[in-house]
Amino acid sequence: MGRIVLAVLGVLLALYVVFGLVVPMVVGLLKLLLIVGVIGALVVGAMMLLGKTSK
C-alpha cells in the first residue's frame, strides 16, 4: 500500500515539475527567441535599405 501511495505522489510531483516549471520556461525561451528574431530581421532590413539608398 505504501508503494502505491509513494508512486502516486511521485507522479503528481513529476506532473507539477513538468507543467509548473518546464513548460513556462520553454514558452519563455520561445518568446525570447521570437523577439530576438524580429529585432534581427528589422536590423537586416534596415541595413539592406541603407545599402541600396547609398549607391
N, C-alpha and C. Protein backbone atom coordinates (compact mmCIF):
# COMPACT_ATOMS: atom_id res chain seq x y z
N MET A 1 0.82 -1.20 0.00
CA MET A 1 0.00 0.00 0.00
C MET A 1 0.87 1.26 0.00
N GLY A 2 1.95 1.19 0.77
CA GLY A 2 2.85 2.34 0.84
C GLY A 2 3.52 2.62 -0.49
N ARG A 3 3.84 1.55 -1.22
CA ARG A 3 4.47 1.73 -2.53
C ARG A 3 3.53 2.44 -3.50
N ILE A 4 2.26 2.10 -3.44
CA ILE A 4 1.28 2.71 -4.34
C ILE A 4 1.13 4.20 -4.01
N VAL A 5 1.06 4.52 -2.74
CA VAL A 5 0.93 5.92 -2.32
C VAL A 5 2.14 6.72 -2.76
N LEU A 6 3.33 6.18 -2.56
CA LEU A 6 4.55 6.88 -2.97
C LEU A 6 4.63 7.00 -4.49
N ALA A 7 4.16 6.00 -5.22
CA ALA A 7 4.17 6.08 -6.67
C ALA A 7 3.22 7.18 -7.15
N VAL A 8 2.05 7.27 -6.54
CA VAL A 8 1.10 8.32 -6.91
C VAL A 8 1.66 9.70 -6.58
N LEU A 9 2.28 9.83 -5.41
CA LEU A 9 2.90 11.10 -5.05
C LEU A 9 4.04 11.46 -6.01
N GLY A 10 4.80 10.48 -6.43
CA GLY A 10 5.87 10.72 -7.40
C GLY A 10 5.34 11.19 -8.74
N VAL A 11 4.26 10.59 -9.19
CA VAL A 11 3.66 11.00 -10.46
C VAL A 11 3.12 12.41 -10.35
N LEU A 12 2.47 12.73 -9.23
CA LEU A 12 1.94 14.08 -9.04
C LEU A 12 3.07 15.11 -8.99
N LEU A 13 4.15 14.77 -8.33
CA LEU A 13 5.29 15.68 -8.27
C LEU A 13 5.91 15.86 -9.66
N ALA A 14 6.02 14.79 -10.42
CA ALA A 14 6.56 14.90 -11.77
C ALA A 14 5.68 15.77 -12.66
N LEU A 15 4.36 15.61 -12.54
CA LEU A 15 3.45 16.45 -13.31
C LEU A 15 3.57 17.92 -12.91
N TYR A 16 3.72 18.17 -11.60
CA TYR A 16 3.89 19.54 -11.14
C TYR A 16 5.17 20.15 -11.71
N VAL A 17 6.24 19.39 -11.71
CA VAL A 17 7.51 19.90 -12.22
C VAL A 17 7.40 20.19 -13.71
N VAL A 18 6.76 19.29 -14.46
CA VAL A 18 6.66 19.48 -15.91
C VAL A 18 5.78 20.68 -16.23
N PHE A 19 4.58 20.72 -15.65
CA PHE A 19 3.63 21.77 -16.02
C PHE A 19 3.86 23.06 -15.25
N GLY A 20 4.52 23.02 -14.13
CA GLY A 20 4.73 24.22 -13.34
C GLY A 20 6.06 24.88 -13.58
N LEU A 21 7.06 24.12 -14.01
CA LEU A 21 8.39 24.69 -14.17
C LEU A 21 8.92 24.59 -15.59
N VAL A 22 8.83 23.43 -16.21
CA VAL A 22 9.46 23.21 -17.50
C VAL A 22 8.68 23.90 -18.63
N VAL A 23 7.37 23.74 -18.66
CA VAL A 23 6.57 24.32 -19.74
C VAL A 23 6.67 25.85 -19.75
N PRO A 24 6.51 26.54 -18.61
CA PRO A 24 6.67 28.01 -18.66
C PRO A 24 8.08 28.44 -19.07
N MET A 25 9.09 27.66 -18.68
CA MET A 25 10.45 28.00 -19.06
C MET A 25 10.63 27.89 -20.57
N VAL A 26 10.08 26.84 -21.18
CA VAL A 26 10.19 26.65 -22.62
C VAL A 26 9.41 27.74 -23.36
N VAL A 27 8.23 28.08 -22.86
CA VAL A 27 7.44 29.14 -23.50
C VAL A 27 8.16 30.47 -23.41
N GLY A 28 8.76 30.76 -22.28
CA GLY A 28 9.54 31.99 -22.13
C GLY A 28 10.74 32.02 -23.06
N LEU A 29 11.40 30.91 -23.22
CA LEU A 29 12.54 30.83 -24.13
C LEU A 29 12.10 31.05 -25.57
N LEU A 30 10.97 30.46 -25.96
CA LEU A 30 10.47 30.67 -27.32
C LEU A 30 10.08 32.12 -27.55
N LYS A 31 9.49 32.77 -26.56
CA LYS A 31 9.15 34.19 -26.70
C LYS A 31 10.42 35.03 -26.85
N LEU A 32 11.44 34.70 -26.08
CA LEU A 32 12.70 35.43 -26.18
C LEU A 32 13.32 35.25 -27.57
N LEU A 33 13.32 34.02 -28.08
CA LEU A 33 13.87 33.77 -29.40
C LEU A 33 13.07 34.49 -30.48
N LEU A 34 11.75 34.57 -30.33
CA LEU A 34 10.92 35.28 -31.29
C LEU A 34 11.25 36.77 -31.29
N ILE A 35 11.42 37.35 -30.12
CA ILE A 35 11.76 38.77 -30.03
C ILE A 35 13.12 39.04 -30.64
N VAL A 36 14.09 38.20 -30.34
CA VAL A 36 15.44 38.37 -30.91
C VAL A 36 15.40 38.22 -32.43
N GLY A 37 14.60 37.27 -32.93
CA GLY A 37 14.48 37.08 -34.38
C GLY A 37 13.84 38.27 -35.06
N VAL A 38 12.81 38.85 -34.47
CA VAL A 38 12.17 40.02 -35.06
C VAL A 38 13.12 41.21 -35.07
N ILE A 39 13.85 41.41 -33.98
CA ILE A 39 14.82 42.52 -33.94
C ILE A 39 15.91 42.29 -34.98
N GLY A 40 16.38 41.07 -35.11
CA GLY A 40 17.41 40.76 -36.12
C GLY A 40 16.90 41.00 -37.52
N ALA A 41 15.66 40.62 -37.81
CA ALA A 41 15.09 40.84 -39.13
C ALA A 41 14.95 42.33 -39.41
N LEU A 42 14.57 43.12 -38.42
CA LEU A 42 14.46 44.56 -38.60
C LEU A 42 15.83 45.19 -38.87
N VAL A 43 16.85 44.73 -38.16
CA VAL A 43 18.20 45.27 -38.37
C VAL A 43 18.70 44.92 -39.77
N VAL A 44 18.50 43.68 -40.19
CA VAL A 44 18.93 43.26 -41.53
C VAL A 44 18.19 44.05 -42.60
N GLY A 45 16.88 44.24 -42.41
CA GLY A 45 16.11 45.02 -43.37
C GLY A 45 16.58 46.46 -43.44
N ALA A 46 16.89 47.07 -42.30
CA ALA A 46 17.37 48.45 -42.28
C ALA A 46 18.74 48.55 -42.96
N MET A 47 19.60 47.57 -42.74
CA MET A 47 20.93 47.59 -43.37
C MET A 47 20.81 47.43 -44.90
N MET A 48 19.90 46.56 -45.32
CA MET A 48 19.72 46.39 -46.76
C MET A 48 19.16 47.65 -47.39
N LEU A 49 18.24 48.31 -46.71
CA LEU A 49 17.66 49.55 -47.22
C LEU A 49 18.71 50.65 -47.27
N LEU A 50 19.53 50.75 -46.25
CA LEU A 50 20.60 51.75 -46.25
C LEU A 50 21.64 51.45 -47.33
N GLY A 51 21.92 50.19 -47.55
CA GLY A 51 22.88 49.82 -48.57
C GLY A 51 22.40 50.15 -49.97
N LYS A 52 21.12 49.98 -50.23
CA LYS A 52 20.57 50.29 -51.54
C LYS A 52 20.48 51.79 -51.79
N THR A 53 20.17 52.56 -50.76
CA THR A 53 19.99 54.00 -50.94
C THR A 53 21.32 54.74 -51.01
N SER A 54 22.42 54.16 -50.54
CA SER A 54 23.70 54.87 -50.54
C SER A 54 24.40 54.79 -51.90
N LYS A 55 23.94 53.93 -52.80
CA LYS A 55 24.61 53.80 -54.10
C LYS A 55 24.29 54.92 -55.02
